[in-house]
Amino acid sequence: MAFHFKSLALAAAVALGASGCVETTTVSSGLNRNVLIVNNTGYTIWRFYGSRTSTNSWEEDILGSRVLSSGSSINIDFNDGTGACMFDMKAEFRDGSSLVRNNVNVCQVSSVTFH
């Protein structure tokens, strides 16, 4: 699934201390902004957000009406037309809890796994 950002809406980021709960895999070339998001949390991700680190708000829910079950993955194109490589990502769960990964260089990683 490819997604291109459309707006700067939604409320300010709520960071949850999730150190050690996210891993990234690095690629060696280019400015490809396609990133495989892997859900290994044991829970379904109900909403997923990504926004440039230079903004103070989350973009729209990338999943829309879909969810990302545990053990599943989705390919997201973070190319928003600005040339930005640094993004923050937020996975939200049904109970309102979330995992946040800050400062992900989408030009250098091929996947991000939420644990």
PDB file of N, CA and C in Angstrom:
ATOM      1  N   MET A   1       0.852  -1.173   0.000  1.00  0.00           N
ATOM      2  CA  MET A   1       0.000   0.000   0.000  1.00  0.00           C
ATOM      3  C   MET A   1       0.891   1.226   0.000  1.00  0.00           C
ATOM      4  N   ALA A   2       0.740   2.066  -0.950  1.00  0.00           N
ATOM      5  CA  ALA A   2       1.485   3.315  -0.997  1.00  0.00           C
ATOM      6  C   ALA A   2       0.609   4.414  -0.440  1.00  0.00           C
ATOM      7  N   PHE A   3       1.190   5.331   0.304  1.00  0.00           N
ATOM      8  CA  PHE A   3       0.433   6.411   0.901  1.00  0.00           C
ATOM      9  C   PHE A   3       1.221   7.686   0.731  1.00  0.00           C
ATOM     10  N   HIS A   4       0.564   8.731   0.319  1.00  0.00           N
ATOM     11  CA  HIS A   4       1.177  10.046   0.217  1.00  0.00           C
ATOM     12  C   HIS A   4       0.427  10.978   1.153  1.00  0.00           C
ATOM     13  N   PHE A   5       1.139  11.749   1.959  1.00  0.00           N
ATOM     14  CA  PHE A   5       0.528  12.629   2.929  1.00  0.00           C
ATOM     15  C   PHE A   5      -0.282  13.709   2.232  1.00  0.00           C
ATOM     16  N   LYS A   6      -1.413  14.064   2.802  1.00  0.00           N
ATOM     17  CA  LYS A   6      -2.317  15.033   2.206  1.00  0.00           C
ATOM     18  C   LYS A   6      -2.508  16.276   3.061  1.00  0.00           C
ATOM     19  N   SER A   7      -2.382  16.159   4.351  1.00  0.00           N
ATOM     20  CA  SER A   7      -2.684  17.312   5.186  1.00  0.00           C
ATOM     21  C   SER A   7      -1.881  17.297   6.475  1.00  0.00           C
ATOM     22  N   LEU A   8      -1.854  18.422   7.125  1.00  0.00           N
ATOM     23  CA  LEU A   8      -1.229  18.543   8.447  1.00  0.00           C
ATOM     24  C   LEU A   8      -2.340  18.783   9.452  1.00  0.00           C
ATOM     25  N   ALA A   9      -3.067  17.740   9.782  1.00  0.00           N
ATOM     26  CA  ALA A   9      -4.197  17.867  10.697  1.00  0.00           C
ATOM     27  C   ALA A   9      -3.841  17.260  12.037  1.00  0.00           C
ATOM     28  N   LEU A  10      -4.770  16.802  12.763  1.00  0.00           N
ATOM     29  CA  LEU A  10      -4.688  16.021  13.994  1.00  0.00           C
ATOM     30  C   LEU A  10      -3.848  16.646  15.090  1.00  0.00           C
ATOM     31  N   ALA A  11      -4.052  16.167  16.270  1.00  0.00           N
ATOM     32  CA  ALA A  11      -3.458  16.750  17.473  1.00  0.00           C
ATOM     33  C   ALA A  11      -1.965  16.507  17.582  1.00  0.00           C
ATOM     34  N   ALA A  12      -1.331  17.210  18.490  1.00  0.00           N
ATOM     35  CA  ALA A  12       0.114  17.112  18.695  1.00  0.00           C
ATOM     36  C   ALA A  12       0.514  15.717  19.139  1.00  0.00           C
ATOM     37  N   ALA A  13       1.746  15.382  18.888  1.00  0.00           N
ATOM     38  CA  ALA A  13       2.261  14.038  19.178  1.00  0.00           C
ATOM     39  C   ALA A  13       2.285  13.757  20.674  1.00  0.00           C
ATOM     40  N   VAL A  14       1.928  12.531  21.020  1.00  0.00           N
ATOM     41  CA  VAL A  14       2.026  12.059  22.403  1.00  0.00           C
ATOM     42  C   VAL A  14       3.069  10.961  22.403  1.00  0.00           C
ATOM     43  N   ALA A  15       4.214  11.236  22.994  1.00  0.00           N
ATOM     44  CA  ALA A  15       5.308  10.269  22.953  1.00  0.00           C
ATOM     45  C   ALA A  15       5.213   9.314  24.135  1.00  0.00           C
ATOM     46  N   LEU A  16       5.403   8.047  23.861  1.00  0.00           N
ATOM     47  CA  LEU A  16       5.407   7.015  24.891  1.00  0.00           C
ATOM     48  C   LEU A  16       6.811   6.456  24.938  1.00  0.00           C
ATOM     49  N   GLY A  17       7.413   6.386  26.071  1.00  0.00           N
ATOM     50  CA  GLY A  17       8.769   5.865  26.174  1.00  0.00           C
ATOM     51  C   GLY A  17       8.824   4.427  25.694  1.00  0.00           C
ATOM     52  N   ALA A  18       9.161   4.233  24.444  1.00  0.00           N
ATOM     53  CA  ALA A  18       9.128   2.905  23.839  1.00  0.00           C
ATOM     54  C   ALA A  18      10.523   2.438  23.439  1.00  0.00           C
ATOM     55  N   SER A  19      11.514   2.894  24.162  1.00  0.00           N
ATOM     56  CA  SER A  19      12.861   2.488  23.803  1.00  0.00           C
ATOM     57  C   SER A  19      12.988   0.976  23.872  1.00  0.00           C
ATOM     58  N   GLY A  20      13.637   0.414  22.878  1.00  0.00           N
ATOM     59  CA  GLY A  20      13.793  -1.022  22.822  1.00  0.00           C
ATOM     60  C   GLY A  20      12.596  -1.734  22.229  1.00  0.00           C
ATOM     61  N   CYS A  21      11.539  -1.017  21.884  1.00  0.00           N
ATOM     62  CA  CYS A  21      10.333  -1.643  21.357  1.00  0.00           C
ATOM     63  C   CYS A  21      10.241  -1.526  19.844  1.00  0.00           C
ATOM     64  N   VAL A  22      11.202  -0.876  19.221  1.00  0.00           N
ATOM     65  CA  VAL A  22      11.168  -0.682  17.782  1.00  0.00           C
ATOM     66  C   VAL A  22      12.559  -0.948  17.230  1.00  0.00           C
ATOM     67  N   GLU A  23      12.625  -1.644  16.099  1.00  0.00           N
ATOM     68  CA  GLU A  23      13.913  -1.821  15.439  1.00  0.00           C
ATOM     69  C   GLU A  23      13.797  -1.400  13.993  1.00  0.00           C
ATOM     70  N   THR A  24      14.903  -0.985  13.420  1.00  0.00           N
ATOM     71  CA  THR A  24      14.918  -0.592  12.023  1.00  0.00           C
ATOM     72  C   THR A  24      15.957  -1.405  11.281  1.00  0.00           C
ATOM     73  N   THR A  25      15.712  -1.593   9.988  1.00  0.00           N
ATOM     74  CA  THR A  25      16.665  -2.266   9.121  1.00  0.00           C
ATOM     75  C   THR A  25      17.142  -1.252   8.095  1.00  0.00           C
ATOM     76  N   THR A  26      18.437  -1.122   7.925  1.00  0.00           N
ATOM     77  CA  THR A  26      19.005  -0.106   7.057  1.00  0.00           C
ATOM     78  C   THR A  26      19.282  -0.642   5.662  1.00  0.00           C
ATOM     79  N   VAL A  27      19.032   0.207   4.653  1.00  0.00           N
ATOM     80  CA  VAL A  27      19.412  -0.091   3.276  1.00  0.00           C
ATOM     81  C   VAL A  27      20.550   0.835   2.912  1.00  0.00           C
ATOM     82  N   SER A  28      21.296   0.468   1.898  1.00  0.00           N
ATOM     83  CA  SER A  28      22.511   1.215   1.622  1.00  0.00           C
ATOM     84  C   SER A  28      22.396   2.251   0.518  1.00  0.00           C
ATOM     85  N   SER A  29      21.276   2.325  -0.196  1.00  0.00           N
ATOM     86  CA  SER A  29      21.286   3.213  -1.357  1.00  0.00           C
ATOM     87  C   SER A  29      20.047   4.076  -1.474  1.00  0.00           C
ATOM     88  N   GLY A  30      20.232   5.199  -2.176  1.00  0.00           N
ATOM     89  CA  GLY A  30      19.151   6.004  -2.699  1.00  0.00           C
ATOM     90  C   GLY A  30      18.267   6.732  -1.715  1.00  0.00           C
ATOM     91  N   LEU A  31      17.285   7.375  -2.302  1.00  0.00           N
ATOM     92  CA  LEU A  31      16.308   8.129  -1.531  1.00  0.00           C
ATOM     93  C   LEU A  31      14.935   7.502  -1.653  1.00  0.00           C
ATOM     94  N   ASN A  32      14.888   6.197  -1.692  1.00  0.00           N
ATOM     95  CA  ASN A  32      13.644   5.463  -1.698  1.00  0.00           C
ATOM     96  C   ASN A  32      12.992   5.639  -0.337  1.00  0.00           C
ATOM     97  N   ARG A  33      11.775   6.143  -0.306  1.00  0.00           N
ATOM     98  CA  ARG A  33      11.089   6.410   0.964  1.00  0.00           C
ATOM     99  C   ARG A  33      10.035   5.351   1.287  1.00  0.00           C
ATOM    100  N   ASN A  34      10.101   4.197   0.605  1.00  0.00           N
ATOM    101  CA  ASN A  34       9.198   3.089   0.896  1.00  0.00           C
ATOM    102  C   ASN A  34       9.742   2.328   2.098  1.00  0.00           C
ATOM    103  N   VAL A  35       8.914   2.187   3.114  1.00  0.00           N
ATOM    104  CA  VAL A  35       9.325   1.523   4.350  1.00  0.00           C
ATOM    105  C   VAL A  35       8.290   0.458   4.695  1.00  0.00           C
ATOM    106  N   LEU A  36       8.767  -0.740   4.972  1.00  0.00           N
ATOM    107  CA  LEU A  36       7.895  -1.821   5.409  1.00  0.00           C
ATOM    108  C   LEU A  36       7.677  -1.673   6.913  1.00  0.00           C
ATOM    109  N   ILE A  37       6.426  -1.475   7.319  1.00  0.00           N
ATOM    110  CA  ILE A  37       6.076  -1.370   8.732  1.00  0.00           C
ATOM    111  C   ILE A  37       5.617  -2.758   9.175  1.00  0.00           C
ATOM    112  N   VAL A  38       6.297  -3.325  10.178  1.00  0.00           N
ATOM    113  CA  VAL A  38       6.023  -4.677  10.654  1.00  0.00           C
ATOM    114  C   VAL A  38       5.450  -4.590  12.064  1.00  0.00           C
ATOM    115  N   ASN A  39       4.318  -5.254  12.279  1.00  0.00           N
ATOM    116  CA  ASN A  39       3.681  -5.269  13.594  1.00  0.00           C
ATOM    117  C   ASN A  39       3.986  -6.592  14.286  1.00  0.00           C
ATOM    118  N   ASN A  40       4.901  -6.574  15.246  1.00  0.00           N
ATOM    119  CA  ASN A  40       5.216  -7.742  16.076  1.00  0.00           C
ATOM    120  C   ASN A  40       4.905  -7.448  17.541  1.00  0.00           C
ATOM    121  N   THR A  41       3.856  -6.665  17.784  1.00  0.00           N
ATOM    122  CA  THR A  41       3.523  -6.249  19.145  1.00  0.00           C
ATOM    123  C   THR A  41       2.671  -7.268  19.900  1.00  0.00           C
ATOM    124  N   GLY A  42       2.019  -8.169  19.177  1.00  0.00           N
ATOM    125  CA  GLY A  42       1.062  -9.064  19.814  1.00  0.00           C
ATOM    126  C   GLY A  42      -0.340  -8.479  19.847  1.00  0.00           C
ATOM    127  N   TYR A  43      -0.483  -7.257  19.359  1.00  0.00           N
ATOM    128  CA  TYR A  43      -1.767  -6.553  19.338  1.00  0.00           C
ATOM    129  C   TYR A  43      -2.000  -5.952  17.960  1.00  0.00           C
ATOM    130  N   THR A  44      -3.254  -5.726  17.613  1.00  0.00           N
ATOM    131  CA  THR A  44      -3.600  -5.089  16.345  1.00  0.00           C
ATOM    132  C   THR A  44      -3.343  -3.590  16.434  1.00  0.00           C
ATOM    133  N   ILE A  45      -2.685  -3.041  15.433  1.00  0.00           N
ATOM    134  CA  ILE A  45      -2.515  -1.593  15.324  1.00  0.00           C
ATOM    135  C   ILE A  45      -3.764  -1.058  14.639  1.00  0.00           C
ATOM    136  N   TRP A  46      -4.475  -0.167  15.320  1.00  0.00           N
ATOM    137  CA  TRP A  46      -5.728   0.380  14.803  1.00  0.00           C
ATOM    138  C   TRP A  46      -5.503   1.640  13.983  1.00  0.00           C
ATOM    139  N   ARG A  47      -4.472   2.406  14.340  1.00  0.00           N
ATOM    140  CA  ARG A  47      -4.144   3.634  13.599  1.00  0.00           C
ATOM    141  C   ARG A  47      -2.629   3.735  13.500  1.00  0.00           C
ATOM    142  N   PHE A  48      -2.175   4.298  12.372  1.00  0.00           N
ATOM    143  CA  PHE A  48      -0.746   4.501  12.187  1.00  0.00           C
ATOM    144  C   PHE A  48      -0.537   5.878  11.572  1.00  0.00           C
ATOM    145  N   TYR A  49       0.370   6.644  12.181  1.00  0.00           N
ATOM    146  CA  TYR A  49       0.634   8.012  11.742  1.00  0.00           C
ATOM    147  C   TYR A  49       2.107   8.173  11.415  1.00  0.00           C
ATOM    148  N   GLY A  50       2.388   9.053  10.500  1.00  0.00           N
ATOM    149  CA  GLY A  50       3.756   9.425  10.183  1.00  0.00           C
ATOM    150  C   GLY A  50       3.785  10.890   9.818  1.00  0.00           C
ATOM    151  N   SER A  51       4.749  11.625  10.332  1.00  0.00           N
ATOM    152  CA  SER A  51       4.871  13.039   9.973  1.00  0.00           C
ATOM    153  C   SER A  51       6.339  13.436   9.994  1.00  0.00           C
ATOM    154  N   ARG A  52       6.658  14.424   9.182  1.00  0.00           N
ATOM    155  CA  ARG A  52       8.033  14.941   9.171  1.00  0.00           C
ATOM    156  C   ARG A  52       8.401  15.416  10.575  1.00  0.00           C
ATOM    157  N   THR A  53       9.649  15.235  10.938  1.00  0.00           N
ATOM    158  CA  THR A  53      10.090  15.652  12.271  1.00  0.00           C
ATOM    159  C   THR A  53      10.013  17.169  12.438  1.00  0.00           C
ATOM    160  N   SER A  54       9.944  17.896  11.338  1.00  0.00           N
ATOM    161  CA  SER A  54       9.880  19.355  11.398  1.00  0.00           C
ATOM    162  C   SER A  54       8.477  19.871  11.710  1.00  0.00           C
ATOM    163  N   THR A  55       7.480  18.993  11.812  1.00  0.00           N
ATOM    164  CA  THR A  55       6.118  19.420  12.135  1.00  0.00           C
ATOM    165  C   THR A  55       5.787  19.082  13.578  1.00  0.00           C
ATOM    166  N   ASN A  56       4.805  19.753  14.115  1.00  0.00           N
ATOM    167  CA  ASN A  56       4.371  19.518  15.497  1.00  0.00           C
ATOM    168  C   ASN A  56       3.046  18.786  15.572  1.00  0.00           C
ATOM    169  N   SER A  57       2.584  18.235  14.443  1.00  0.00           N
ATOM    170  CA  SER A  57       1.315  17.519  14.457  1.00  0.00           C
ATOM    171  C   SER A  57       1.436  16.253  13.628  1.00  0.00           C
ATOM    172  N   TRP A  58       0.576  15.287  13.912  1.00  0.00           N
ATOM    173  CA  TRP A  58       0.549  14.049  13.153  1.00  0.00           C
ATOM    174  C   TRP A  58      -0.251  14.255  11.879  1.00  0.00           C
ATOM    175  N   GLU A  59       0.109  13.522  10.844  1.00  0.00           N
ATOM    176  CA  GLU A  59      -0.674  13.516   9.617  1.00  0.00           C
ATOM    177  C   GLU A  59      -1.920  12.676   9.849  1.00  0.00           C
ATOM    178  N   GLU A  60      -2.701  12.452   8.798  1.00  0.00           N
ATOM    179  CA  GLU A  60      -3.888  11.607   8.927  1.00  0.00           C
ATOM    180  C   GLU A  60      -3.494  10.158   9.167  1.00  0.00           C
ATOM    181  N   ASP A  61      -4.446   9.367   9.626  1.00  0.00           N
ATOM    182  CA  ASP A  61      -4.237   7.942   9.862  1.00  0.00           C
ATOM    183  C   ASP A  61      -3.947   7.262   8.524  1.00  0.00           C
ATOM    184  N   ILE A  62      -2.757   6.731   8.370  1.00  0.00           N
ATOM    185  CA  ILE A  62      -2.337   6.106   7.112  1.00  0.00           C
ATOM    186  C   ILE A  62      -3.150   4.852   6.815  1.00  0.00           C
ATOM    187  N   LEU A  63      -3.565   4.133   7.837  1.00  0.00           N
ATOM    188  CA  LEU A  63      -4.311   2.893   7.621  1.00  0.00           C
ATOM    189  C   LEU A  63      -5.749   3.141   7.170  1.00  0.00           C
ATOM    190  N   GLY A  64      -6.282   4.316   7.444  1.00  0.00           N
ATOM    191  CA  GLY A  64      -7.660   4.605   7.064  1.00  0.00           C
ATOM    192  C   GLY A  64      -8.617   3.636   7.739  1.00  0.00           C
ATOM    193  N   SER A  65      -9.427   2.933   6.953  1.00  0.00           N
ATOM    194  CA  SER A  65     -10.406   1.998   7.518  1.00  0.00           C
ATOM    195  C   SER A  65      -9.801   0.620   7.776  1.00  0.00           C
ATOM    196  N   ARG A  66      -8.523   0.445   7.444  1.00  0.00           N
ATOM    197  CA  ARG A  66      -7.850  -0.838   7.659  1.00  0.00           C
ATOM    198  C   ARG A  66      -7.190  -0.873   9.024  1.00  0.00           C
ATOM    199  N   VAL A  67      -6.787  -2.068   9.454  1.00  0.00           N
ATOM    200  CA  VAL A  67      -5.987  -2.260  10.666  1.00  0.00           C
ATOM    201  C   VAL A  67      -4.790  -3.119  10.287  1.00  0.00           C
ATOM    202  N   LEU A  68      -3.781  -3.144  11.161  1.00  0.00           N
ATOM    203  CA  LEU A  68      -2.590  -3.959  10.927  1.00  0.00           C
ATOM    204  C   LEU A  68      -2.485  -4.985  12.057  1.00  0.00           C
ATOM    205  N   SER A  69      -2.881  -6.213  11.757  1.00  0.00           N
ATOM    206  CA  SER A  69      -2.873  -7.284  12.746  1.00  0.00           C
ATOM    207  C   SER A  69      -1.452  -7.612  13.169  1.00  0.00           C
ATOM    208  N   SER A  70      -1.306  -8.141  14.367  1.00  0.00           N
ATOM    209  CA  SER A  70       0.010  -8.574  14.823  1.00  0.00           C
ATOM    210  C   SER A  70       0.516  -9.667  13.893  1.00  0.00           C
ATOM    211  N   GLY A  71       1.787  -9.583  13.539  1.00  0.00           N
ATOM    212  CA  GLY A  71       2.395 -10.518  12.611  1.00  0.00           C
ATOM    213  C   GLY A  71       2.283 -10.083  11.160  1.00  0.00           C
ATOM    214  N   SER A  72       1.570  -8.997  10.910  1.00  0.00           N
ATOM    215  CA  SER A  72       1.388  -8.487   9.551  1.00  0.00           C
ATOM    216  C   SER A  72       2.305  -7.304   9.293  1.00  0.00           C
ATOM    217  N   SER A  73       2.397  -6.931   8.020  1.00  0.00           N
ATOM    218  CA  SER A  73       3.208  -5.776   7.640  1.00  0.00           C
ATOM    219  C   SER A  73       2.520  -5.026   6.510  1.00  0.00           C
ATOM    220  N   ILE A  74       2.957  -3.800   6.305  1.00  0.00           N
ATOM    221  CA  ILE A  74       2.424  -2.963   5.239  1.00  0.00           C
ATOM    222  C   ILE A  74       3.553  -2.082   4.718  1.00  0.00           C
ATOM    223  N   ASN A  75       3.607  -1.893   3.413  1.00  0.00           N
ATOM    224  CA  ASN A  75       4.600  -1.017   2.804  1.00  0.00           C
ATOM    225  C   ASN A  75       4.004   0.382   2.691  1.00  0.00           C
ATOM    226  N   ILE A  76       4.719   1.371   3.209  1.00  0.00           N
ATOM    227  CA  ILE A  76       4.246   2.753   3.184  1.00  0.00           C
ATOM    228  C   ILE A  76       5.268   3.613   2.462  1.00  0.00           C
ATOM    229  N   ASP A  77       4.790   4.425   1.536  1.00  0.00           N
ATOM    230  CA  ASP A  77       5.627   5.380   0.810  1.00  0.00           C
ATOM    231  C   ASP A  77       5.556   6.712   1.558  1.00  0.00           C
ATOM    232  N   PHE A  78       6.640   7.111   2.201  1.00  0.00           N
ATOM    233  CA  PHE A  78       6.682   8.336   2.986  1.00  0.00           C
ATOM    234  C   PHE A  78       7.061   9.559   2.154  1.00  0.00           C
ATOM    235  N   ASN A  79       7.056   9.446   0.854  1.00  0.00           N
ATOM    236  CA  ASN A  79       7.367  10.576  -0.018  1.00  0.00           C
ATOM    237  C   ASN A  79       6.199  11.551   0.002  1.00  0.00           C
ATOM    238  N   ASP A  80       6.368  12.667   0.678  1.00  0.00           N
ATOM    239  CA  ASP A  80       5.306  13.669   0.781  1.00  0.00           C
ATOM    240  C   ASP A  80       5.543  14.843  -0.154  1.00  0.00           C
ATOM    241  N   GLY A  81       6.534  14.723  -1.038  1.00  0.00           N
ATOM    242  CA  GLY A  81       6.804  15.765  -2.019  1.00  0.00           C
ATOM    243  C   GLY A  81       7.725  16.865  -1.533  1.00  0.00           C
ATOM    244  N   THR A  82       8.164  16.820  -0.284  1.00  0.00           N
ATOM    245  CA  THR A  82       9.020  17.879   0.260  1.00  0.00           C
ATOM    246  C   THR A  82      10.501  17.545   0.179  1.00  0.00           C
ATOM    247  N   GLY A  83      10.825  16.285  -0.073  1.00  0.00           N
ATOM    248  CA  GLY A  83      12.213  15.851  -0.059  1.00  0.00           C
ATOM    249  C   GLY A  83      12.687  15.448   1.321  1.00  0.00           C
ATOM    250  N   ALA A  84      11.805  15.503   2.310  1.00  0.00           N
ATOM    251  CA  ALA A  84      12.177  15.167   3.688  1.00  0.00           C
ATOM    252  C   ALA A  84      12.492  13.680   3.828  1.00  0.00           C
ATOM    253  N   CYS A  85      13.462  13.382   4.686  1.00  0.00           N
ATOM    254  CA  CYS A  85      13.831  11.997   4.991  1.00  0.00           C
ATOM    255  C   CYS A  85      13.538  11.623   6.438  1.00  0.00           C
ATOM    256  N   MET A  86      13.453  12.593   7.333  1.00  0.00           N
ATOM    257  CA  MET A  86      13.289  12.327   8.759  1.00  0.00           C
ATOM    258  C   MET A  86      11.816  12.407   9.158  1.00  0.00           C
ATOM    259  N   PHE A  87      11.310  11.284   9.682  1.00  0.00           N
ATOM    260  CA  PHE A  87       9.902  11.177  10.065  1.00  0.00           C
ATOM    261  C   PHE A  87       9.762  10.595  11.464  1.00  0.00           C
ATOM    262  N   ASP A  88       8.679  10.976  12.130  1.00  0.00           N
ATOM    263  CA  ASP A  88       8.247  10.349  13.373  1.00  0.00           C
ATOM    264  C   ASP A  88       7.087   9.426  13.013  1.00  0.00           C
ATOM    265  N   MET A  89       6.980   8.287  13.717  1.00  0.00           N
ATOM    266  CA  MET A  89       5.927   7.313  13.453  1.00  0.00           C
ATOM    267  C   MET A  89       5.220   6.973  14.760  1.00  0.00           C
ATOM    268  N   LYS A  90       3.906   6.768  14.644  1.00  0.00           N
ATOM    269  CA  LYS A  90       3.112   6.451  15.832  1.00  0.00           C
ATOM    270  C   LYS A  90       2.135   5.329  15.502  1.00  0.00           C
ATOM    271  N   ALA A  91       2.214   4.242  16.266  1.00  0.00           N
ATOM    272  CA  ALA A  91       1.273   3.128  16.157  1.00  0.00           C
ATOM    273  C   ALA A  91       0.324   3.212  17.341  1.00  0.00           C
ATOM    274  N   GLU A  92      -0.986   3.264  17.069  1.00  0.00           N
ATOM    275  CA  GLU A  92      -1.990   3.335  18.126  1.00  0.00           C
ATOM    276  C   GLU A  92      -2.768   2.038  18.201  1.00  0.00           C
ATOM    277  N   PHE A  93      -3.093   1.649  19.418  1.00  0.00           N
ATOM    278  CA  PHE A  93      -3.830   0.417  19.674  1.00  0.00           C
ATOM    279  C   PHE A  93      -5.257   0.734  20.118  1.00  0.00           C
ATOM    280  N   ARG A  94      -6.105  -0.273  20.092  1.00  0.00           N
ATOM    281  CA  ARG A  94      -7.529  -0.092  20.381  1.00  0.00           C
ATOM    282  C   ARG A  94      -7.777   0.542  21.741  1.00  0.00           C
ATOM    283  N   ASP A  95      -6.952   0.220  22.735  1.00  0.00           N
ATOM    284  CA  ASP A  95      -7.153   0.757  24.086  1.00  0.00           C
ATOM    285  C   ASP A  95      -6.640   2.188  24.243  1.00  0.00           C
ATOM    286  N   GLY A  96      -6.135   2.777  23.148  1.00  0.00           N
ATOM    287  CA  GLY A  96      -5.641   4.153  23.200  1.00  0.00           C
ATOM    288  C   GLY A  96      -4.161   4.267  23.479  1.00  0.00           C
ATOM    289  N   SER A  97      -3.512   3.166  23.850  1.00  0.00           N
ATOM    290  CA  SER A  97      -2.061   3.214  24.065  1.00  0.00           C
ATOM    291  C   SER A  97      -1.362   3.307  22.711  1.00  0.00           C
ATOM    292  N   SER A  98      -0.106   3.686  22.736  1.00  0.00           N
ATOM    293  CA  SER A  98       0.622   3.858  21.485  1.00  0.00           C
ATOM    294  C   SER A  98       2.114   3.625  21.671  1.00  0.00           C
ATOM    295  N   LEU A  99       2.772   3.368  20.567  1.00  0.00           N
ATOM    296  CA  LEU A  99       4.228   3.311  20.502  1.00  0.00           C
ATOM    297  C   LEU A  99       4.670   4.364  19.503  1.00  0.00           C
ATOM    298  N   VAL A 100       5.668   5.144  19.871  1.00  0.00           N
ATOM    299  CA  VAL A 100       6.166   6.202  19.004  1.00  0.00           C
ATOM    300  C   VAL A 100       7.625   5.947  18.690  1.00  0.00           C
ATOM    301  N   ARG A 101       7.987   6.118  17.459  1.00  0.00           N
ATOM    302  CA  ARG A 101       9.374   6.026  17.015  1.00  0.00           C
ATOM    303  C   ARG A 101       9.723   7.370  16.400  1.00  0.00           C
ATOM    304  N   ASN A 102      10.646   8.086  17.008  1.00  0.00           N
ATOM    305  CA  ASN A 102      11.051   9.405  16.533  1.00  0.00           C
ATOM    306  C   ASN A 102      12.303   9.328  15.670  1.00  0.00           C
ATOM    307  N   ASN A 103      12.435  10.286  14.782  1.00  0.00           N
ATOM    308  CA  ASN A 103      13.646  10.496  13.988  1.00  0.00           C
ATOM    309  C   ASN A 103      14.044   9.283  13.146  1.00  0.00           C
ATOM    310  N   VAL A 104      13.090   8.729  12.399  1.00  0.00           N
ATOM    311  CA  VAL A 104      13.374   7.625  11.497  1.00  0.00           C
ATOM    312  C   VAL A 104      13.758   8.205  10.143  1.00  0.00           C
ATOM    313  N   ASN A 105      14.926   7.835   9.658  1.00  0.00           N
ATOM    314  CA  ASN A 105      15.374   8.297   8.345  1.00  0.00           C
ATOM    315  C   ASN A 105      14.816   7.338   7.292  1.00  0.00           C
ATOM    316  N   VAL A 106      13.686   7.717   6.684  1.00  0.00           N
ATOM    317  CA  VAL A 106      13.006   6.849   5.725  1.00  0.00           C
ATOM    318  C   VAL A 106      13.759   6.732   4.406  1.00  0.00           C
ATOM    319  N   CYS A 107      14.796   7.536   4.218  1.00  0.00           N
ATOM    320  CA  CYS A 107      15.650   7.425   3.031  1.00  0.00           C
ATOM    321  C   CYS A 107      16.735   6.371   3.230  1.00  0.00           C
ATOM    322  N   GLN A 108      16.928   5.914   4.475  1.00  0.00           N
ATOM    323  CA  GLN A 108      17.994   4.974   4.766  1.00  0.00           C
ATOM    324  C   GLN A 108      17.529   3.647   5.348  1.00  0.00           C
ATOM    325  N   VAL A 109      16.270   3.533   5.765  1.00  0.00           N
ATOM    326  CA  VAL A 109      15.789   2.273   6.324  1.00  0.00           C
ATOM    327  C   VAL A 109      14.820   1.600   5.353  1.00  0.00           C
ATOM    328  N   SER A 110      14.795   0.291   5.368  1.00  0.00           N
ATOM    329  CA  SER A 110      13.854  -0.447   4.522  1.00  0.00           C
ATOM    330  C   SER A 110      12.684  -0.984   5.324  1.00  0.00           C
ATOM    331  N   SER A 111      12.842  -1.103   6.651  1.00  0.00           N
ATOM    332  CA  SER A 111      11.739  -1.573   7.483  1.00  0.00           C
ATOM    333  C   SER A 111      11.857  -1.034   8.901  1.00  0.00           C
ATOM    334  N   VAL A 112      10.699  -0.945   9.537  1.00  0.00           N
ATOM    335  CA  VAL A 112      10.608  -0.570  10.943  1.00  0.00           C
ATOM    336  C   VAL A 112       9.689  -1.590  11.590  1.00  0.00           C
ATOM    337  N   THR A 113      10.192  -2.257  12.631  1.00  0.00           N
ATOM    338  CA  THR A 113       9.404  -3.277  13.320  1.00  0.00           C
ATOM    339  C   THR A 113       9.010  -2.766  14.692  1.00  0.00           C
ATOM    340  N   PHE A 114       7.704  -2.779  14.942  1.00  0.00           N
ATOM    341  CA  PHE A 114       7.188  -2.434  16.265  1.00  0.00           C
ATOM    342  C   PHE A 114       7.045  -3.712  17.060  1.00  0.00           C
ATOM    343  N   HIS A 115       7.670  -3.741  18.270  1.00  0.00           N
ATOM    344  CA  HIS A 115       7.628  -4.917  19.165  1.00  0.00           C
ATOM    345  C   HIS A 115       6.712  -4.642  20.318  1.00  0.00           C
TER     346      HIS A 115
END
